[in-house]
Amino acid sequence: MIIKHVLSYSLFQTTIWTMLALALIVFVSLYFVNAGYGQFRTRSWGWSINNRVGWILMEAPVFLVMLVIWAQSGYSLHVPELVLFGLFQLHYLQRSFIFPFLMKGRSEMPVAIMLMGVLFNTINGILQGGNLYWYPNPDYADGASYLLRWHVILGIALFIAGFIINLHSDRVIRRLRKPGDTRHYLPHRGFYRYVTSANYFGELLEWTGYAIATATLAAWVFPIWTAANLVPRAHAIHKRYHDEFGDAAVSHRRRIFPFIY
């Protein structure tokens, strides 16, 4: 178990706190600098590659790292860890190997953004896999009864709800344009009636639910980092929609959290 040998418990904890500190820096920075992918991509971000290829290369590492850690655990079938592992892998199976092939258009992703994503996803995979199989919550020893605790039921329900919202929101975006159309459109269906970044809201809801169900500090690193990345971006998207479509089109919506922000 090479990865575990490198990450002693003290180093594992240090990595958690370092990631939490970096999340704050990222959160503040992204209110001043837009990450250059999607509608904010510019040539200043350097060499770019096909968007589908970029997404696969960026997202697949976390799926594979989690898979390796699970395999190194002896293919554990212990119920709490297996359920949480399954939820995590469900998201990244879709995000890594299905979502990229549903994309439309010929957009590109800067290699710099892709490499930053690879770095984060690799570290996050080690943290989340280690959190389940190296240094797990002692309560997981309760086995299947752990899943009957109120916070686990709530967390799994939030994860499933967020997963559905995320999938539906991506589908709404894909259907905005007809083949060959490059114009921008304002989505209106689903949770886009309440926020301008419904897909981000769904993803943040997923990982918040996952952290509630997992009940460990390492698990909370993920939704905190997700918020640090997506909340400022949702703000930038809201502002762009406001400038492009006018105040009347977006004034009744929030950025990412319905009725709040």
Protein backbone atom coordinates (compact mmCIF):
# COMPACT_ATOMS: atom_id res chain seq x y z
CA MET A 1 0.00 0.00 0.00
CA ILE A 2 2.47 2.60 -1.27
CA ILE A 3 0.16 5.62 -1.02
CA LYS A 4 -0.76 4.86 2.58
CA HIS A 5 2.89 4.36 3.52
CA VAL A 6 3.66 7.88 2.24
CA LEU A 7 0.67 9.45 4.01
CA SER A 8 1.05 8.78 7.70
CA TYR A 9 -1.83 9.88 9.90
CA SER A 10 -0.07 13.13 10.79
CA LEU A 11 0.67 13.91 7.14
CA PHE A 12 -2.91 13.01 6.23
CA GLN A 13 -4.21 15.53 8.79
CA THR A 14 -1.72 18.16 7.66
CA THR A 15 -2.91 17.73 4.08
CA ILE A 16 -6.51 18.24 5.18
CA TRP A 17 -5.75 21.51 6.97
CA THR A 18 -3.53 22.72 4.13
CA MET A 19 -6.31 22.11 1.63
CA LEU A 20 -8.78 23.99 3.82
CA ALA A 21 -6.42 26.98 4.03
CA LEU A 22 -5.85 26.93 0.26
CA ALA A 23 -9.61 26.82 -0.33
CA LEU A 24 -9.93 30.22 1.34
CA ILE A 25 -7.22 31.65 -0.89
CA VAL A 26 -8.87 30.20 -3.99
CA PHE A 27 -12.28 31.55 -2.93
CA VAL A 28 -11.02 35.12 -2.58
CA SER A 29 -8.83 34.95 -5.72
CA LEU A 30 -11.64 33.78 -7.99
CA TYR A 31 -13.62 36.92 -7.24
CA PHE A 32 -10.84 38.81 -9.04
CA VAL A 33 -9.68 36.31 -11.68
CA ASN A 34 -12.08 34.16 -13.71
CA ALA A 35 -10.85 30.58 -14.23
CA GLY A 36 -10.33 30.38 -17.98
CA TYR A 37 -12.59 27.53 -19.02
CA GLY A 38 -16.03 27.50 -20.60
CA GLN A 39 -17.38 30.95 -21.41
CA PHE A 40 -14.42 32.61 -19.67
CA ARG A 41 -11.70 30.94 -21.73
CA THR A 42 -9.22 33.38 -23.28
CA ARG A 43 -5.98 32.99 -25.19
CA SER A 44 -4.06 34.32 -22.19
CA TRP A 45 -4.49 30.87 -20.58
CA GLY A 46 -2.21 29.38 -23.22
CA TRP A 47 -2.41 26.15 -25.18
CA SER A 48 -5.81 24.45 -25.23
CA ILE A 49 -7.01 20.97 -26.11
CA ASN A 50 -10.35 19.47 -27.09
CA ASN A 51 -12.86 20.01 -24.29
CA ARG A 52 -13.97 16.38 -24.17
CA VAL A 53 -10.39 15.14 -23.88
CA GLY A 54 -9.65 17.78 -21.24
CA TRP A 55 -12.64 16.75 -19.12
CA ILE A 56 -11.72 13.07 -19.22
CA LEU A 57 -8.07 13.71 -18.35
CA MET A 58 -9.06 16.12 -15.57
CA GLU A 59 -11.81 14.10 -13.90
CA ALA A 60 -10.70 10.49 -14.39
CA PRO A 61 -7.77 10.59 -11.90
CA VAL A 62 -10.03 10.90 -8.85
CA PHE A 63 -12.16 7.95 -10.01
CA LEU A 64 -9.05 5.84 -10.60
CA VAL A 65 -7.32 6.84 -7.33
CA MET A 66 -10.43 5.91 -5.34
CA LEU A 67 -10.62 2.62 -7.20
CA VAL A 68 -6.97 1.81 -6.44
CA ILE A 69 -7.37 2.63 -2.75
CA TRP A 70 -10.49 0.47 -2.54
CA ALA A 71 -8.62 -2.37 -4.26
CA GLN A 72 -5.69 -1.99 -1.87
CA SER A 73 -8.13 -2.32 1.01
CA GLY A 74 -8.78 -5.89 -0.13
CA TYR A 75 -11.93 -4.96 -2.12
CA SER A 76 -13.70 -4.28 1.15
CA LEU A 77 -17.46 -4.86 1.15
CA HIS A 78 -18.01 -3.36 4.61
CA VAL A 79 -21.33 -1.60 4.24
CA PRO A 80 -20.83 2.05 5.36
CA GLU A 81 -17.60 2.51 3.43
CA LEU A 82 -18.95 0.65 0.40
CA VAL A 83 -22.09 2.81 0.19
CA LEU A 84 -20.12 6.05 0.51
CA PHE A 85 -17.53 4.81 -1.97
CA GLY A 86 -20.34 3.89 -4.37
CA LEU A 87 -21.93 7.35 -4.18
CA PHE A 88 -18.59 9.02 -4.83
CA GLN A 89 -17.78 6.75 -7.78
CA LEU A 90 -21.27 7.15 -9.24
CA HIS A 91 -20.70 10.88 -9.62
CA TYR A 92 -17.27 10.49 -11.17
CA LEU A 93 -18.28 7.64 -13.44
CA GLN A 94 -20.80 10.03 -14.95
CA ARG A 95 -18.51 13.08 -14.85
CA SER A 96 -15.44 11.33 -16.26
CA PHE A 97 -16.76 8.87 -18.80
CA ILE A 98 -20.32 9.89 -19.73
CA PHE A 99 -20.62 13.69 -19.43
CA PRO A 100 -17.73 14.48 -21.83
CA PHE A 101 -19.38 12.50 -24.63
CA LEU A 102 -22.65 14.37 -24.17
CA MET A 103 -20.99 17.73 -24.78
CA LYS A 104 -21.92 19.65 -27.88
CA GLY A 105 -19.83 22.08 -29.90
CA ARG A 106 -16.10 22.28 -30.47
CA SER A 107 -14.99 24.23 -27.42
CA GLU A 108 -11.54 23.80 -25.92
CA MET A 109 -10.01 23.65 -22.44
CA PRO A 110 -6.71 25.33 -21.52
CA VAL A 111 -4.08 22.75 -20.61
CA ALA A 112 -3.22 24.84 -17.53
CA ILE A 113 -6.79 24.46 -16.23
CA MET A 114 -6.76 20.74 -17.01
CA LEU A 115 -3.48 20.20 -15.13
CA MET A 116 -4.73 22.13 -12.10
CA GLY A 117 -7.82 19.94 -12.15
CA VAL A 118 -5.70 16.79 -12.34
CA LEU A 119 -3.66 17.93 -9.33
CA PHE A 120 -6.71 18.74 -7.22
CA ASN A 121 -8.59 15.58 -8.19
CA THR A 122 -5.59 13.38 -7.41
CA ILE A 123 -5.14 14.93 -3.97
CA ASN A 124 -8.88 14.81 -3.32
CA GLY A 125 -9.02 11.16 -4.36
CA ILE A 126 -6.26 10.34 -1.88
CA LEU A 127 -8.03 12.29 0.88
CA GLN A 128 -11.46 10.78 0.26
CA GLY A 129 -10.17 7.25 -0.29
CA GLY A 130 -7.91 7.48 2.73
CA ASN A 131 -10.81 8.86 4.70
CA LEU A 132 -12.82 5.70 4.00
CA TYR A 133 -10.16 2.99 4.06
CA TRP A 134 -7.07 4.20 5.95
CA TYR A 135 -8.38 6.42 8.74
CA PRO A 136 -12.16 5.89 8.75
CA ASN A 137 -14.75 7.27 11.11
CA PRO A 138 -14.85 4.81 14.08
CA ASP A 139 -18.65 4.80 13.82
CA TYR A 140 -18.40 2.86 10.55
CA ALA A 141 -17.68 -0.18 12.74
CA ASP A 142 -21.44 -0.27 13.43
CA GLY A 143 -21.89 -1.71 9.96
CA ALA A 144 -25.23 -1.37 8.17
CA SER A 145 -26.85 0.23 11.22
CA TYR A 146 -24.66 3.29 10.62
CA LEU A 147 -26.76 4.01 7.53
CA LEU A 148 -29.88 4.37 9.73
CA ARG A 149 -28.54 7.39 11.58
CA TRP A 150 -30.47 10.58 10.82
CA HIS A 151 -27.48 12.50 9.47
CA VAL A 152 -26.60 9.65 7.09
CA ILE A 153 -30.17 9.43 5.76
CA LEU A 154 -30.21 13.22 5.34
CA GLY A 155 -26.80 13.28 3.69
CA ILE A 156 -27.60 10.53 1.19
CA ALA A 157 -30.93 12.20 0.36
CA LEU A 158 -29.14 15.51 -0.31
CA PHE A 159 -26.53 13.75 -2.43
CA ILE A 160 -29.18 12.06 -4.58
CA ALA A 161 -31.15 15.31 -4.92
CA GLY A 162 -28.01 17.21 -5.91
CA PHE A 163 -27.02 14.51 -8.39
CA ILE A 164 -30.43 14.70 -10.09
CA ILE A 165 -30.39 18.52 -10.16
CA ASN A 166 -26.89 18.49 -11.62
CA LEU A 167 -27.81 15.99 -14.36
CA HIS A 168 -31.01 17.83 -15.26
CA SER A 169 -29.30 21.22 -15.30
CA ASP A 170 -26.57 19.96 -17.64
CA ARG A 171 -29.29 18.56 -19.91
CA VAL A 172 -31.06 21.93 -19.98
CA ILE A 173 -27.83 23.66 -21.03
CA ARG A 174 -27.12 21.11 -23.77
CA ARG A 175 -30.56 21.74 -25.29
CA LEU A 176 -30.22 25.51 -25.47
CA ARG A 177 -28.46 25.50 -28.82
CA LYS A 178 -29.23 23.87 -32.13
CA PRO A 179 -26.37 22.35 -34.17
CA GLY A 180 -24.11 25.07 -35.52
CA ASP A 181 -25.49 27.78 -33.23
CA THR A 182 -22.84 29.64 -31.20
CA ARG A 183 -25.00 32.28 -29.51
CA HIS A 184 -25.50 32.50 -25.75
CA TYR A 185 -28.90 31.73 -24.26
CA LEU A 186 -30.32 32.17 -20.79
CA PRO A 187 -31.63 28.84 -19.38
CA HIS A 188 -35.06 28.92 -17.73
CA ARG A 189 -36.07 25.35 -16.93
CA GLY A 190 -35.62 23.42 -13.69
CA PHE A 191 -33.65 25.15 -10.97
CA TYR A 192 -32.56 27.80 -13.46
CA ARG A 193 -35.83 29.47 -12.51
CA TYR A 194 -34.23 30.24 -9.15
CA VAL A 195 -30.49 30.56 -9.82
CA THR A 196 -28.28 31.30 -12.81
CA SER A 197 -25.94 28.39 -12.00
CA ALA A 198 -28.28 25.50 -11.20
CA ASN A 199 -25.71 22.89 -12.24
CA TYR A 200 -23.28 24.29 -9.67
CA PHE A 201 -25.97 24.31 -7.01
CA GLY A 202 -26.65 20.64 -7.69
CA GLU A 203 -22.99 19.71 -7.42
CA LEU A 204 -22.50 21.64 -4.19
CA LEU A 205 -25.61 19.98 -2.75
CA GLU A 206 -24.19 16.57 -3.67
CA TRP A 207 -20.90 17.02 -1.84
CA THR A 208 -22.48 18.71 1.15
CA GLY A 209 -24.74 15.68 1.49
CA TYR A 210 -21.75 13.37 1.09
CA ALA A 211 -19.87 15.18 3.85
CA ILE A 212 -22.89 15.08 6.19
CA ALA A 213 -23.27 11.32 5.63
CA THR A 214 -19.52 10.63 5.92
CA ALA A 215 -19.14 12.78 9.06
CA THR A 216 -15.39 13.42 8.85
CA LEU A 217 -13.25 16.52 8.40
CA ALA A 218 -11.63 15.06 5.28
CA ALA A 219 -15.03 14.67 3.64
CA TRP A 220 -15.82 18.34 4.36
CA VAL A 221 -12.74 19.39 2.41
CA PHE A 222 -14.61 18.54 -0.78
CA PRO A 223 -17.75 20.72 -0.44
CA ILE A 224 -15.63 23.55 0.96
CA TRP A 225 -13.35 23.39 -2.08
CA THR A 226 -16.38 23.03 -4.35
CA ALA A 227 -17.86 26.20 -2.85
CA ALA A 228 -14.52 28.01 -3.08
CA ASN A 229 -14.42 27.25 -6.79
CA LEU A 230 -18.06 27.46 -7.83
CA VAL A 231 -19.52 30.31 -5.74
CA PRO A 232 -17.21 32.99 -7.23
CA ARG A 233 -17.74 31.51 -10.70
CA ALA A 234 -21.50 31.61 -10.24
CA HIS A 235 -21.12 35.28 -9.30
CA ALA A 236 -19.16 35.94 -12.52
CA ILE A 237 -21.73 34.07 -14.63
CA HIS A 238 -24.58 36.00 -13.00
CA LYS A 239 -22.83 39.28 -13.79
CA ARG A 240 -22.24 38.24 -17.41
CA TYR A 241 -25.88 37.25 -17.82
CA HIS A 242 -26.90 40.57 -16.29
CA ASP A 243 -24.71 42.47 -18.77
CA GLU A 244 -25.80 40.37 -21.74
CA PHE A 245 -29.52 39.88 -21.13
CA GLY A 246 -30.39 42.80 -18.85
CA ASP A 247 -31.51 43.24 -15.26
CA ALA A 248 -35.09 42.16 -15.93
CA ALA A 249 -33.92 38.74 -17.12
CA VAL A 250 -31.89 37.85 -14.05
CA SER A 251 -33.02 40.10 -11.19
CA HIS A 252 -35.49 37.49 -9.88
CA ARG A 253 -32.79 34.82 -9.65
CA ARG A 254 -29.93 34.31 -7.25
CA ARG A 255 -26.43 33.24 -8.27
CA ILE A 256 -26.13 29.71 -6.87
CA PHE A 257 -28.22 29.31 -3.68
CA PRO A 258 -32.00 29.65 -4.25
CA PHE A 259 -33.48 32.65 -2.41
CA ILE A 260 -30.14 33.35 -0.65
CA TYR A 261 -27.21 34.26 -2.93
